[in-house]
Amino acid sequence: MAALEGEELARLLAVARSRGMAALVEVHDESEAKIAVEAGAQAVGVNHRDLRTFEVDLGLTERLRKLVPNEVALVAESGIHTVDDARRMRESGADAILVGEMLMRSPDPSASLRELASI
């Protein structure tokens, strides 16, 4: 979202829909979340990592959930390192999570996936 204006985002979302796809629109704060929803995003990804400082704030999903309607998929992204983090995202109202580093660092990624799937 940070790279686009609202009108441009709406146009790109329309192109995706015309081709039978939905785009995951990544946001970093309240302002971007509002613009994404107003532009018609069907899926909003909340990036917990501040791309300027690289600090992670898992509370961002909790704060943005109230701005994203329930019919719009909310994906919690970045900084999810433990099953407890994933559980927190679920309890915060995330419909899905994006994990990478947790699985890459795991000695047994299959076991980690099974544990994540159990929450």
PDB file of N, CA and C in Angstrom:
ATOM      1  N   MET A   1       0.815  -1.176   0.000  1.00  0.00           N
ATOM      2  CA  MET A   1       0.000   0.000   0.000  1.00  0.00           C
ATOM      3  C   MET A   1       0.866   1.250   0.000  1.00  0.00           C
ATOM      4  N   ALA A   2       2.004   1.188   0.640  1.00  0.00           N
ATOM      5  CA  ALA A   2       2.849   2.372   0.767  1.00  0.00           C
ATOM      6  C   ALA A   2       3.311   2.900  -0.587  1.00  0.00           C
ATOM      7  N   ALA A   3       3.322   2.059  -1.602  1.00  0.00           N
ATOM      8  CA  ALA A   3       3.833   2.461  -2.917  1.00  0.00           C
ATOM      9  C   ALA A   3       2.742   2.980  -3.857  1.00  0.00           C
ATOM     10  N   LEU A   4       1.478   2.933  -3.434  1.00  0.00           N
ATOM     11  CA  LEU A   4       0.375   3.285  -4.338  1.00  0.00           C
ATOM     12  C   LEU A   4      -0.520   4.359  -3.764  1.00  0.00           C
ATOM     13  N   GLU A   5      -1.150   5.109  -4.644  1.00  0.00           N
ATOM     14  CA  GLU A   5      -2.231   6.022  -4.272  1.00  0.00           C
ATOM     15  C   GLU A   5      -3.527   5.215  -4.277  1.00  0.00           C
ATOM     16  N   GLY A   6      -4.530   5.671  -3.566  1.00  0.00           N
ATOM     17  CA  GLY A   6      -5.800   4.961  -3.465  1.00  0.00           C
ATOM     18  C   GLY A   6      -6.450   4.666  -4.799  1.00  0.00           C
ATOM     19  N   GLU A   7      -6.463   5.660  -5.712  1.00  0.00           N
ATOM     20  CA  GLU A   7      -7.093   5.451  -7.018  1.00  0.00           C
ATOM     21  C   GLU A   7      -6.349   4.402  -7.834  1.00  0.00           C
ATOM     22  N   GLU A   8      -5.023   4.420  -7.761  1.00  0.00           N
ATOM     23  CA  GLU A   8      -4.231   3.427  -8.491  1.00  0.00           C
ATOM     24  C   GLU A   8      -4.473   2.036  -7.920  1.00  0.00           C
ATOM     25  N   LEU A   9      -4.550   1.941  -6.607  1.00  0.00           N
ATOM     26  CA  LEU A   9      -4.840   0.653  -5.974  1.00  0.00           C
ATOM     27  C   LEU A   9      -6.201   0.144  -6.427  1.00  0.00           C
ATOM     28  N   ALA A  10      -7.208   0.986  -6.430  1.00  0.00           N
ATOM     29  CA  ALA A  10      -8.556   0.570  -6.853  1.00  0.00           C
ATOM     30  C   ALA A  10      -8.521   0.049  -8.287  1.00  0.00           C
ATOM     31  N   ARG A  11      -7.764   0.708  -9.154  1.00  0.00           N
ATOM     32  CA  ARG A  11      -7.661   0.268 -10.549  1.00  0.00           C
ATOM     33  C   ARG A  11      -6.992  -1.102 -10.630  1.00  0.00           C
ATOM     34  N   LEU A  12      -5.919  -1.282  -9.888  1.00  0.00           N
ATOM     35  CA  LEU A  12      -5.216  -2.569  -9.916  1.00  0.00           C
ATOM     36  C   LEU A  12      -6.063  -3.696  -9.319  1.00  0.00           C
ATOM     37  N   LEU A  13      -6.806  -3.387  -8.268  1.00  0.00           N
ATOM     38  CA  LEU A  13      -7.702  -4.388  -7.687  1.00  0.00           C
ATOM     39  C   LEU A  13      -8.785  -4.789  -8.687  1.00  0.00           C
ATOM     40  N   ALA A  14      -9.289  -3.833  -9.442  1.00  0.00           N
ATOM     41  CA  ALA A  14     -10.293  -4.129 -10.465  1.00  0.00           C
ATOM     42  C   ALA A  14      -9.712  -5.030 -11.550  1.00  0.00           C
ATOM     43  N   VAL A  15      -8.472  -4.790 -11.943  1.00  0.00           N
ATOM     44  CA  VAL A  15      -7.821  -5.642 -12.949  1.00  0.00           C
ATOM     45  C   VAL A  15      -7.693  -7.065 -12.406  1.00  0.00           C
ATOM     46  N   ALA A  16      -7.267  -7.202 -11.158  1.00  0.00           N
ATOM     47  CA  ALA A  16      -7.146  -8.542 -10.564  1.00  0.00           C
ATOM     48  C   ALA A  16      -8.505  -9.248 -10.547  1.00  0.00           C
ATOM     49  N   ARG A  17      -9.547  -8.539 -10.096  1.00  0.00           N
ATOM     50  CA  ARG A  17     -10.892  -9.137 -10.051  1.00  0.00           C
ATOM     51  C   ARG A  17     -11.372  -9.541 -11.440  1.00  0.00           C
ATOM     52  N   SER A  18     -11.044  -8.728 -12.447  1.00  0.00           N
ATOM     53  CA  SER A  18     -11.493  -9.047 -13.813  1.00  0.00           C
ATOM     54  C   SER A  18     -10.839 -10.321 -14.332  1.00  0.00           C
ATOM     55  N   ARG A  19      -9.783 -10.728 -13.707  1.00  0.00           N
ATOM     56  CA  ARG A  19      -9.076 -11.949 -14.101  1.00  0.00           C
ATOM     57  C   ARG A  19      -9.311 -13.097 -13.113  1.00  0.00           C
ATOM     58  N   GLY A  20     -10.311 -12.912 -12.255  1.00  0.00           N
ATOM     59  CA  GLY A  20     -10.692 -13.964 -11.317  1.00  0.00           C
ATOM     60  C   GLY A  20      -9.755 -14.112 -10.136  1.00  0.00           C
ATOM     61  N   MET A  21      -9.010 -13.054  -9.826  1.00  0.00           N
ATOM     62  CA  MET A  21      -8.063 -13.123  -8.719  1.00  0.00           C
ATOM     63  C   MET A  21      -8.402 -12.076  -7.659  1.00  0.00           C
ATOM     64  N   ALA A  22      -7.873 -12.288  -6.470  1.00  0.00           N
ATOM     65  CA  ALA A  22      -7.925 -11.281  -5.407  1.00  0.00           C
ATOM     66  C   ALA A  22      -6.486 -10.968  -5.032  1.00  0.00           C
ATOM     67  N   ALA A  23      -6.212  -9.719  -4.783  1.00  0.00           N
ATOM     68  CA  ALA A  23      -4.862  -9.304  -4.399  1.00  0.00           C
ATOM     69  C   ALA A  23      -4.774  -9.165  -2.888  1.00  0.00           C
ATOM     70  N   LEU A  24      -3.657  -9.555  -2.335  1.00  0.00           N
ATOM     71  CA  LEU A  24      -3.364  -9.324  -0.924  1.00  0.00           C
ATOM     72  C   LEU A  24      -2.691  -7.957  -0.841  1.00  0.00           C
ATOM     73  N   VAL A  25      -3.359  -6.998  -0.205  1.00  0.00           N
ATOM     74  CA  VAL A  25      -2.850  -5.631  -0.109  1.00  0.00           C
ATOM     75  C   VAL A  25      -2.160  -5.481   1.246  1.00  0.00           C
ATOM     76  N   GLU A  26      -0.870  -5.256   1.209  1.00  0.00           N
ATOM     77  CA  GLU A  26      -0.088  -5.152   2.444  1.00  0.00           C
ATOM     78  C   GLU A  26      -0.153  -3.737   3.009  1.00  0.00           C
ATOM     79  N   VAL A  27      -0.423  -3.655   4.316  1.00  0.00           N
ATOM     80  CA  VAL A  27      -0.495  -2.365   4.999  1.00  0.00           C
ATOM     81  C   VAL A  27       0.435  -2.375   6.209  1.00  0.00           C
ATOM     82  N   HIS A  28       0.777  -1.162   6.638  1.00  0.00           N
ATOM     83  CA  HIS A  28       1.705  -1.012   7.763  1.00  0.00           C
ATOM     84  C   HIS A  28       1.149  -0.164   8.896  1.00  0.00           C
ATOM     85  N   ASP A  29      -0.006   0.473   8.658  1.00  0.00           N
ATOM     86  CA  ASP A  29      -0.578   1.328   9.701  1.00  0.00           C
ATOM     87  C   ASP A  29      -2.066   1.560   9.434  1.00  0.00           C
ATOM     88  N   GLU A  30      -2.677   2.333  10.324  1.00  0.00           N
ATOM     89  CA  GLU A  30      -4.102   2.587  10.255  1.00  0.00           C
ATOM     90  C   GLU A  30      -4.493   3.308   8.956  1.00  0.00           C
ATOM     91  N   SER A  31      -3.720   4.292   8.565  1.00  0.00           N
ATOM     92  CA  SER A  31      -4.023   5.059   7.359  1.00  0.00           C
ATOM     93  C   SER A  31      -4.040   4.167   6.124  1.00  0.00           C
ATOM     94  N   GLU A  32      -3.026   3.334   5.981  1.00  0.00           N
ATOM     95  CA  GLU A  32      -2.967   2.428   4.831  1.00  0.00           C
ATOM     96  C   GLU A  32      -4.106   1.416   4.863  1.00  0.00           C
ATOM     97  N   ALA A  33      -4.472   0.953   6.050  1.00  0.00           N
ATOM     98  CA  ALA A  33      -5.585  -0.007   6.156  1.00  0.00           C
ATOM     99  C   ALA A  33      -6.885   0.618   5.674  1.00  0.00           C
ATOM    100  N   LYS A  34      -7.133   1.850   6.073  1.00  0.00           N
ATOM    101  CA  LYS A  34      -8.362   2.538   5.642  1.00  0.00           C
ATOM    102  C   LYS A  34      -8.385   2.704   4.128  1.00  0.00           C
ATOM    103  N   ILE A  35      -7.261   3.090   3.544  1.00  0.00           N
ATOM    104  CA  ILE A  35      -7.195   3.284   2.095  1.00  0.00           C
ATOM    105  C   ILE A  35      -7.425   1.956   1.369  1.00  0.00           C
ATOM    106  N   ALA A  36      -6.814   0.879   1.871  1.00  0.00           N
ATOM    107  CA  ALA A  36      -6.969  -0.435   1.244  1.00  0.00           C
ATOM    108  C   ALA A  36      -8.429  -0.875   1.247  1.00  0.00           C
ATOM    109  N   VAL A  37      -9.101  -0.695   2.366  1.00  0.00           N
ATOM    110  CA  VAL A  37     -10.511  -1.092   2.474  1.00  0.00           C
ATOM    111  C   VAL A  37     -11.366  -0.228   1.554  1.00  0.00           C
ATOM    112  N   GLU A  38     -11.134   1.080   1.561  1.00  0.00           N
ATOM    113  CA  GLU A  38     -11.910   1.985   0.699  1.00  0.00           C
ATOM    114  C   GLU A  38     -11.706   1.683  -0.784  1.00  0.00           C
ATOM    115  N   ALA A  39     -10.506   1.181  -1.136  1.00  0.00           N
ATOM    116  CA  ALA A  39     -10.218   0.853  -2.537  1.00  0.00           C
ATOM    117  C   ALA A  39     -10.841  -0.469  -2.953  1.00  0.00           C
ATOM    118  N   GLY A  40     -11.385  -1.223  -1.997  1.00  0.00           N
ATOM    119  CA  GLY A  40     -12.051  -2.477  -2.323  1.00  0.00           C
ATOM    120  C   GLY A  40     -11.218  -3.725  -2.151  1.00  0.00           C
ATOM    121  N   ALA A  41     -10.162  -3.660  -1.333  1.00  0.00           N
ATOM    122  CA  ALA A  41      -9.340  -4.852  -1.096  1.00  0.00           C
ATOM    123  C   ALA A  41     -10.183  -5.974  -0.502  1.00  0.00           C
ATOM    124  N   GLN A  42      -9.997  -7.187  -1.026  1.00  0.00           N
ATOM    125  CA  GLN A  42     -10.685  -8.359  -0.494  1.00  0.00           C
ATOM    126  C   GLN A  42      -9.831  -9.090   0.531  1.00  0.00           C
ATOM    127  N   ALA A  43      -8.533  -8.769   0.544  1.00  0.00           N
ATOM    128  CA  ALA A  43      -7.592  -9.368   1.505  1.00  0.00           C
ATOM    129  C   ALA A  43      -6.576  -8.300   1.889  1.00  0.00           C
ATOM    130  N   VAL A  44      -6.392  -8.124   3.190  1.00  0.00           N
ATOM    131  CA  VAL A  44      -5.447  -7.136   3.704  1.00  0.00           C
ATOM    132  C   VAL A  44      -4.406  -7.866   4.537  1.00  0.00           C
ATOM    133  N   GLY A  45      -3.137  -7.636   4.210  1.00  0.00           N
ATOM    134  CA  GLY A  45      -2.029  -8.211   4.963  1.00  0.00           C
ATOM    135  C   GLY A  45      -1.432  -7.152   5.860  1.00  0.00           C
ATOM    136  N   VAL A  46      -1.318  -7.458   7.145  1.00  0.00           N
ATOM    137  CA  VAL A  46      -0.747  -6.524   8.115  1.00  0.00           C
ATOM    138  C   VAL A  46       0.711  -6.910   8.340  1.00  0.00           C
ATOM    139  N   ASN A  47       1.614  -6.069   7.840  1.00  0.00           N
ATOM    140  CA  ASN A  47       3.044  -6.321   8.027  1.00  0.00           C
ATOM    141  C   ASN A  47       3.458  -5.713   9.361  1.00  0.00           C
ATOM    142  N   HIS A  48       3.817  -6.562  10.306  1.00  0.00           N
ATOM    143  CA  HIS A  48       4.191  -6.115  11.649  1.00  0.00           C
ATOM    144  C   HIS A  48       5.571  -5.458  11.688  1.00  0.00           C
ATOM    145  N   ARG A  49       6.337  -5.619  10.634  1.00  0.00           N
ATOM    146  CA  ARG A  49       7.697  -5.073  10.621  1.00  0.00           C
ATOM    147  C   ARG A  49       7.692  -3.676  10.016  1.00  0.00           C
ATOM    148  N   ASP A  50       8.144  -2.705  10.794  1.00  0.00           N
ATOM    149  CA  ASP A  50       8.310  -1.340  10.310  1.00  0.00           C
ATOM    150  C   ASP A  50       9.505  -1.363   9.358  1.00  0.00           C
ATOM    151  N   LEU A  51       9.264  -1.064   8.099  1.00  0.00           N
ATOM    152  CA  LEU A  51      10.319  -1.185   7.093  1.00  0.00           C
ATOM    153  C   LEU A  51      11.383  -0.101   7.198  1.00  0.00           C
ATOM    154  N   ARG A  52      11.137   0.911   8.030  1.00  0.00           N
ATOM    155  CA  ARG A  52      12.161   1.947   8.246  1.00  0.00           C
ATOM    156  C   ARG A  52      13.112   1.555   9.376  1.00  0.00           C
ATOM    157  N   THR A  53      12.563   0.966  10.448  1.00  0.00           N
ATOM    158  CA  THR A  53      13.370   0.646  11.631  1.00  0.00           C
ATOM    159  C   THR A  53      13.591  -0.853  11.809  1.00  0.00           C
ATOM    160  N   PHE A  54      12.808  -1.669  11.113  1.00  0.00           N
ATOM    161  CA  PHE A  54      12.798  -3.133  11.211  1.00  0.00           C
ATOM    162  C   PHE A  54      12.309  -3.639  12.569  1.00  0.00           C
ATOM    163  N   GLU A  55      11.728  -2.748  13.362  1.00  0.00           N
ATOM    164  CA  GLU A  55      11.113  -3.174  14.620  1.00  0.00           C
ATOM    165  C   GLU A  55       9.795  -3.874  14.314  1.00  0.00           C
ATOM    166  N   VAL A  56       9.449  -4.852  15.155  1.00  0.00           N
ATOM    167  CA  VAL A  56       8.236  -5.642  14.964  1.00  0.00           C
ATOM    168  C   VAL A  56       7.244  -5.306  16.072  1.00  0.00           C
ATOM    169  N   ASP A  57       5.988  -5.084  15.676  1.00  0.00           N
ATOM    170  CA  ASP A  57       4.910  -4.780  16.615  1.00  0.00           C
ATOM    171  C   ASP A  57       3.732  -5.701  16.312  1.00  0.00           C
ATOM    172  N   LEU A  58       3.635  -6.814  17.051  1.00  0.00           N
ATOM    173  CA  LEU A  58       2.543  -7.754  16.823  1.00  0.00           C
ATOM    174  C   LEU A  58       1.189  -7.182  17.231  1.00  0.00           C
ATOM    175  N   GLY A  59       1.183  -6.104  17.984  1.00  0.00           N
ATOM    176  CA  GLY A  59      -0.060  -5.460  18.373  1.00  0.00           C
ATOM    177  C   GLY A  59      -0.766  -4.767  17.214  1.00  0.00           C
ATOM    178  N   LEU A  60      -0.074  -4.620  16.095  1.00  0.00           N
ATOM    179  CA  LEU A  60      -0.655  -3.932  14.942  1.00  0.00           C
ATOM    180  C   LEU A  60      -1.898  -4.664  14.420  1.00  0.00           C
ATOM    181  N   THR A  61      -1.864  -5.976  14.360  1.00  0.00           N
ATOM    182  CA  THR A  61      -3.049  -6.725  13.906  1.00  0.00           C
ATOM    183  C   THR A  61      -4.227  -6.454  14.825  1.00  0.00           C
ATOM    184  N   GLU A  62      -3.971  -6.424  16.121  1.00  0.00           N
ATOM    185  CA  GLU A  62      -5.042  -6.139  17.076  1.00  0.00           C
ATOM    186  C   GLU A  62      -5.652  -4.763  16.814  1.00  0.00           C
ATOM    187  N   ARG A  63      -4.834  -3.781  16.527  1.00  0.00           N
ATOM    188  CA  ARG A  63      -5.323  -2.423  16.308  1.00  0.00           C
ATOM    189  C   ARG A  63      -6.041  -2.277  14.965  1.00  0.00           C
ATOM    190  N   LEU A  64      -5.551  -2.973  13.942  1.00  0.00           N
ATOM    191  CA  LEU A  64      -6.129  -2.804  12.607  1.00  0.00           C
ATOM    192  C   LEU A  64      -7.364  -3.664  12.369  1.00  0.00           C
ATOM    193  N   ARG A  65      -7.551  -4.723  13.138  1.00  0.00           N
ATOM    194  CA  ARG A  65      -8.716  -5.604  12.919  1.00  0.00           C
ATOM    195  C   ARG A  65     -10.007  -4.809  12.911  1.00  0.00           C
ATOM    196  N   LYS A  66     -10.119  -3.814  13.792  1.00  0.00           N
ATOM    197  CA  LYS A  66     -11.373  -3.055  13.878  1.00  0.00           C
ATOM    198  C   LYS A  66     -11.603  -2.168  12.656  1.00  0.00           C
ATOM    199  N   LEU A  67     -10.566  -1.934  11.861  1.00  0.00           N
ATOM    200  CA  LEU A  67     -10.701  -1.108  10.659  1.00  0.00           C
ATOM    201  C   LEU A  67     -10.996  -1.929   9.410  1.00  0.00           C
ATOM    202  N   VAL A  68     -10.808  -3.229   9.505  1.00  0.00           N
ATOM    203  CA  VAL A  68     -10.986  -4.119   8.353  1.00  0.00           C
ATOM    204  C   VAL A  68     -12.263  -4.929   8.562  1.00  0.00           C
ATOM    205  N   PRO A  69     -13.249  -4.756   7.682  1.00  0.00           N
ATOM    206  CA  PRO A  69     -14.513  -5.480   7.844  1.00  0.00           C
ATOM    207  C   PRO A  69     -14.303  -7.002   7.863  1.00  0.00           C
ATOM    208  N   ASN A  70     -15.189  -7.682   8.553  1.00  0.00           N
ATOM    209  CA  ASN A  70     -15.062  -9.134   8.686  1.00  0.00           C
ATOM    210  C   ASN A  70     -15.091  -9.863   7.349  1.00  0.00           C
ATOM    211  N   GLU A  71     -15.760  -9.285   6.343  1.00  0.00           N
ATOM    212  CA  GLU A  71     -15.815  -9.956   5.042  1.00  0.00           C
ATOM    213  C   GLU A  71     -14.522  -9.794   4.246  1.00  0.00           C
ATOM    214  N   VAL A  72     -13.593  -8.999   4.743  1.00  0.00           N
ATOM    215  CA  VAL A  72     -12.272  -8.846   4.123  1.00  0.00           C
ATOM    216  C   VAL A  72     -11.294  -9.710   4.898  1.00  0.00           C
ATOM    217  N   ALA A  73     -10.589 -10.588   4.189  1.00  0.00           N
ATOM    218  CA  ALA A  73      -9.623 -11.470   4.853  1.00  0.00           C
ATOM    219  C   ALA A  73      -8.485 -10.640   5.425  1.00  0.00           C
ATOM    220  N   LEU A  74      -8.125 -10.929   6.682  1.00  0.00           N
ATOM    221  CA  LEU A  74      -7.027 -10.239   7.349  1.00  0.00           C
ATOM    222  C   LEU A  74      -5.895 -11.233   7.582  1.00  0.00           C
ATOM    223  N   VAL A  75      -4.729 -10.932   7.031  1.00  0.00           N
ATOM    224  CA  VAL A  75      -3.568 -11.812   7.123  1.00  0.00           C
ATOM    225  C   VAL A  75      -2.497 -11.130   7.971  1.00  0.00           C
ATOM    226  N   ALA A  76      -2.073 -11.775   9.033  1.00  0.00           N
ATOM    227  CA  ALA A  76      -1.007 -11.259   9.888  1.00  0.00           C
ATOM    228  C   ALA A  76       0.337 -11.705   9.307  1.00  0.00           C
ATOM    229  N   GLU A  77       1.220 -10.734   9.073  1.00  0.00           N
ATOM    230  CA  GLU A  77       2.495 -11.015   8.396  1.00  0.00           C
ATOM    231  C   GLU A  77       3.685 -10.528   9.229  1.00  0.00           C
ATOM    232  N   SER A  78       4.752 -11.264   9.160  1.00  0.00           N
ATOM    233  CA  SER A  78       6.057 -10.887   9.723  1.00  0.00           C
ATOM    234  C   SER A  78       6.092 -10.893  11.243  1.00  0.00           C
ATOM    235  N   GLY A  79       7.181 -11.405  11.765  1.00  0.00           N
ATOM    236  CA  GLY A  79       7.410 -11.385  13.199  1.00  0.00           C
ATOM    237  C   GLY A  79       6.708 -12.473  13.980  1.00  0.00           C
ATOM    238  N   ILE A  80       6.113 -13.421  13.301  1.00  0.00           N
ATOM    239  CA  ILE A  80       5.427 -14.523  13.979  1.00  0.00           C
ATOM    240  C   ILE A  80       6.448 -15.653  14.112  1.00  0.00           C
ATOM    241  N   HIS A  81       6.996 -15.778  15.323  1.00  0.00           N
ATOM    242  CA  HIS A  81       8.117 -16.706  15.535  1.00  0.00           C
ATOM    243  C   HIS A  81       7.753 -17.945  16.344  1.00  0.00           C
ATOM    244  N   THR A  82       6.617 -17.900  17.041  1.00  0.00           N
ATOM    245  CA  THR A  82       6.255 -19.012  17.916  1.00  0.00           C
ATOM    246  C   THR A  82       4.789 -19.367  17.722  1.00  0.00           C
ATOM    247  N   VAL A  83       4.418 -20.517  18.243  1.00  0.00           N
ATOM    248  CA  VAL A  83       3.016 -20.929  18.228  1.00  0.00           C
ATOM    249  C   VAL A  83       2.198 -19.945  19.060  1.00  0.00           C
ATOM    250  N   ASP A  84       2.770 -19.447  20.144  1.00  0.00           N
ATOM    251  CA  ASP A  84       2.052 -18.457  20.952  1.00  0.00           C
ATOM    252  C   ASP A  84       1.789 -17.180  20.160  1.00  0.00           C
ATOM    253  N   ASP A  85       2.753 -16.767  19.329  1.00  0.00           N
ATOM    254  CA  ASP A  85       2.534 -15.612  18.456  1.00  0.00           C
ATOM    255  C   ASP A  85       1.382 -15.886  17.495  1.00  0.00           C
ATOM    256  N   ALA A  86       1.372 -17.069  16.916  1.00  0.00           N
ATOM    257  CA  ALA A  86       0.306 -17.433  15.969  1.00  0.00           C
ATOM    258  C   ALA A  86      -1.047 -17.457  16.672  1.00  0.00           C
ATOM    259  N   ARG A  87      -1.076 -17.996  17.866  1.00  0.00           N
ATOM    260  CA  ARG A  87      -2.322 -18.032  18.645  1.00  0.00           C
ATOM    261  C   ARG A  87      -2.798 -16.606  18.936  1.00  0.00           C
ATOM    262  N   ARG A  88      -1.860 -15.739  19.291  1.00  0.00           N
ATOM    263  CA  ARG A  88      -2.211 -14.331  19.547  1.00  0.00           C
ATOM    264  C   ARG A  88      -2.837 -13.692  18.308  1.00  0.00           C
ATOM    265  N   MET A  89      -2.303 -14.005  17.124  1.00  0.00           N
ATOM    266  CA  MET A  89      -2.859 -13.439  15.891  1.00  0.00           C
ATOM    267  C   MET A  89      -4.270 -13.950  15.659  1.00  0.00           C
ATOM    268  N   ARG A  90      -4.479 -15.226  15.909  1.00  0.00           N
ATOM    269  CA  ARG A  90      -5.821 -15.805  15.759  1.00  0.00           C
ATOM    270  C   ARG A  90      -6.798 -15.135  16.713  1.00  0.00           C
ATOM    271  N   GLU A  91      -6.368 -14.973  17.975  1.00  0.00           N
ATOM    272  CA  GLU A  91      -7.224 -14.346  18.976  1.00  0.00           C
ATOM    273  C   GLU A  91      -7.458 -12.862  18.672  1.00  0.00           C
ATOM    274  N   SER A  92      -6.558 -12.262  17.908  1.00  0.00           N
ATOM    275  CA  SER A  92      -6.694 -10.856  17.512  1.00  0.00           C
ATOM    276  C   SER A  92      -7.629 -10.683  16.322  1.00  0.00           C
ATOM    277  N   GLY A  93      -8.047 -11.797  15.725  1.00  0.00           N
ATOM    278  CA  GLY A  93      -8.981 -11.731  14.619  1.00  0.00           C
ATOM    279  C   GLY A  93      -8.382 -11.966  13.245  1.00  0.00           C
ATOM    280  N   ALA A  94      -7.111 -12.363  13.182  1.00  0.00           N
ATOM    281  CA  ALA A  94      -6.504 -12.667  11.882  1.00  0.00           C
ATOM    282  C   ALA A  94      -7.151 -13.920  11.303  1.00  0.00           C
ATOM    283  N   ASP A  95      -7.429 -13.868   9.998  1.00  0.00           N
ATOM    284  CA  ASP A  95      -7.991 -15.022   9.305  1.00  0.00           C
ATOM    285  C   ASP A  95      -6.898 -15.992   8.856  1.00  0.00           C
ATOM    286  N   ALA A  96      -5.690 -15.481   8.715  1.00  0.00           N
ATOM    287  CA  ALA A  96      -4.556 -16.294   8.263  1.00  0.00           C
ATOM    288  C   ALA A  96      -3.276 -15.633   8.762  1.00  0.00           C
ATOM    289  N   ILE A  97      -2.198 -16.397   8.729  1.00  0.00           N
ATOM    290  CA  ILE A  97      -0.891 -15.850   9.081  1.00  0.00           C
ATOM    291  C   ILE A  97       0.104 -16.207   7.989  1.00  0.00           C
ATOM    292  N   LEU A  98       1.110 -15.381   7.869  1.00  0.00           N
ATOM    293  CA  LEU A  98       2.205 -15.647   6.951  1.00  0.00           C
ATOM    294  C   LEU A  98       3.440 -15.898   7.816  1.00  0.00           C
ATOM    295  N   VAL A  99       3.986 -17.093   7.733  1.00  0.00           N
ATOM    296  CA  VAL A  99       5.199 -17.417   8.492  1.00  0.00           C
ATOM    297  C   VAL A  99       6.274 -17.880   7.524  1.00  0.00           C
ATOM    298  N   GLY A 100       7.462 -17.508   7.801  1.00  0.00           N
ATOM    299  CA  GLY A 100       8.592 -17.908   6.971  1.00  0.00           C
ATOM    300  C   GLY A 100       9.777 -18.269   7.844  1.00  0.00           C
ATOM    301  N   GLU A 101      10.256 -17.268   8.552  1.00  0.00           N
ATOM    302  CA  GLU A 101      11.459 -17.452   9.368  1.00  0.00           C
ATOM    303  C   GLU A 101      11.282 -18.564  10.392  1.00  0.00           C
ATOM    304  N   MET A 102      10.113 -18.648  11.002  1.00  0.00           N
ATOM    305  CA  MET A 102       9.855 -19.694  11.996  1.00  0.00           C
ATOM    306  C   MET A 102      10.093 -21.079  11.399  1.00  0.00           C
ATOM    307  N   LEU A 103       9.608 -21.282  10.178  1.00  0.00           N
ATOM    308  CA  LEU A 103       9.766 -22.585   9.532  1.00  0.00           C
ATOM    309  C   LEU A 103      11.199 -22.796   9.028  1.00  0.00           C
ATOM    310  N   MET A 104      11.806 -21.737   8.550  1.00  0.00           N
ATOM    311  CA  MET A 104      13.180 -21.862   8.046  1.00  0.00           C
ATOM    312  C   MET A 104      14.155 -22.195   9.165  1.00  0.00           C
ATOM    313  N   ARG A 105      13.910 -21.696  10.364  1.00  0.00           N
ATOM    314  CA  ARG A 105      14.821 -21.926  11.492  1.00  0.00           C
ATOM    315  C   ARG A 105      14.494 -23.196  12.278  1.00  0.00           C
ATOM    316  N   SER A 106      13.344 -23.769  12.003  1.00  0.00           N
ATOM    317  CA  SER A 106      12.906 -24.946  12.746  1.00  0.00           C
ATOM    318  C   SER A 106      13.734 -26.176  12.359  1.00  0.00           C
ATOM    319  N   PRO A 107      14.159 -26.953  13.356  1.00  0.00           N
ATOM    320  CA  PRO A 107      14.860 -28.203  13.040  1.00  0.00           C
ATOM    321  C   PRO A 107      13.923 -29.237  12.406  1.00  0.00           C
ATOM    322  N   ASP A 108      12.607 -29.066  12.615  1.00  0.00           N
ATOM    323  CA  ASP A 108      11.609 -29.982  12.058  1.00  0.00           C
ATOM    324  C   ASP A 108      10.411 -29.159  11.555  1.00  0.00           C
ATOM    325  N   PRO A 109      10.526 -28.602  10.335  1.00  0.00           N
ATOM    326  CA  PRO A 109       9.440 -27.759   9.821  1.00  0.00           C
ATOM    327  C   PRO A 109       8.086 -28.467   9.769  1.00  0.00           C
ATOM    328  N   SER A 110       8.074 -29.759   9.481  1.00  0.00           N
ATOM    329  CA  SER A 110       6.803 -30.496   9.428  1.00  0.00           C
ATOM    330  C   SER A 110       6.118 -30.493  10.791  1.00  0.00           C
ATOM    331  N   ALA A 111       6.891 -30.709  11.842  1.00  0.00           N
ATOM    332  CA  ALA A 111       6.324 -30.686  13.195  1.00  0.00           C
ATOM    333  C   ALA A 111       5.832 -29.283  13.541  1.00  0.00           C
ATOM    334  N   SER A 112       6.574 -28.270  13.131  1.00  0.00           N
ATOM    335  CA  SER A 112       6.158 -26.891  13.389  1.00  0.00           C
ATOM    336  C   SER A 112       4.852 -26.578  12.675  1.00  0.00           C
ATOM    337  N   LEU A 113       4.718 -27.038  11.432  1.00  0.00           N
ATOM    338  CA  LEU A 113       3.470 -26.819  10.680  1.00  0.00           C
ATOM    339  C   LEU A 113       2.293 -27.528  11.354  1.00  0.00           C
ATOM    340  N   ARG A 114       2.530 -28.747  11.808  1.00  0.00           N
ATOM    341  CA  ARG A 114       1.453 -29.471  12.501  1.00  0.00           C
ATOM    342  C   ARG A 114       1.033 -28.734  13.765  1.00  0.00           C
ATOM    343  N   GLU A 115       2.007 -28.194  14.486  1.00  0.00           N
ATOM    344  CA  GLU A 115       1.701 -27.458  15.707  1.00  0.00           C
ATOM    345  C   GLU A 115       0.910 -26.190  15.386  1.00  0.00           C
ATOM    346  N   LEU A 116       1.313 -25.487  14.333  1.00  0.00           N
ATOM    347  CA  LEU A 116       0.576 -24.288  13.924  1.00  0.00           C
ATOM    348  C   LEU A 116      -0.848 -24.632  13.507  1.00  0.00           C
ATOM    349  N   ALA A 117      -1.013 -25.719  12.794  1.00  0.00           N
ATOM    350  CA  ALA A 117      -2.330 -26.122  12.310  1.00  0.00           C
ATOM    351  C   ALA A 117      -3.262 -26.528  13.448  1.00  0.00           C
ATOM    352  N   SER A 118      -2.706 -26.850  14.602  1.00  0.00           N
ATOM    353  CA  SER A 118      -3.519 -27.330  15.720  1.00  0.00           C
ATOM    354  C   SER A 118      -4.138 -26.204  16.543  1.00  0.00           C
ATOM    355  N   ILE A 119      -3.734 -24.963  16.278  1.00  0.00           N
ATOM    356  CA  ILE A 119      -4.291 -23.874  17.110  1.00  0.00           C
ATOM    357  C   ILE A 119      -5.589 -23.344  16.547  1.00  0.00           C
TER     358      ILE A 119
END
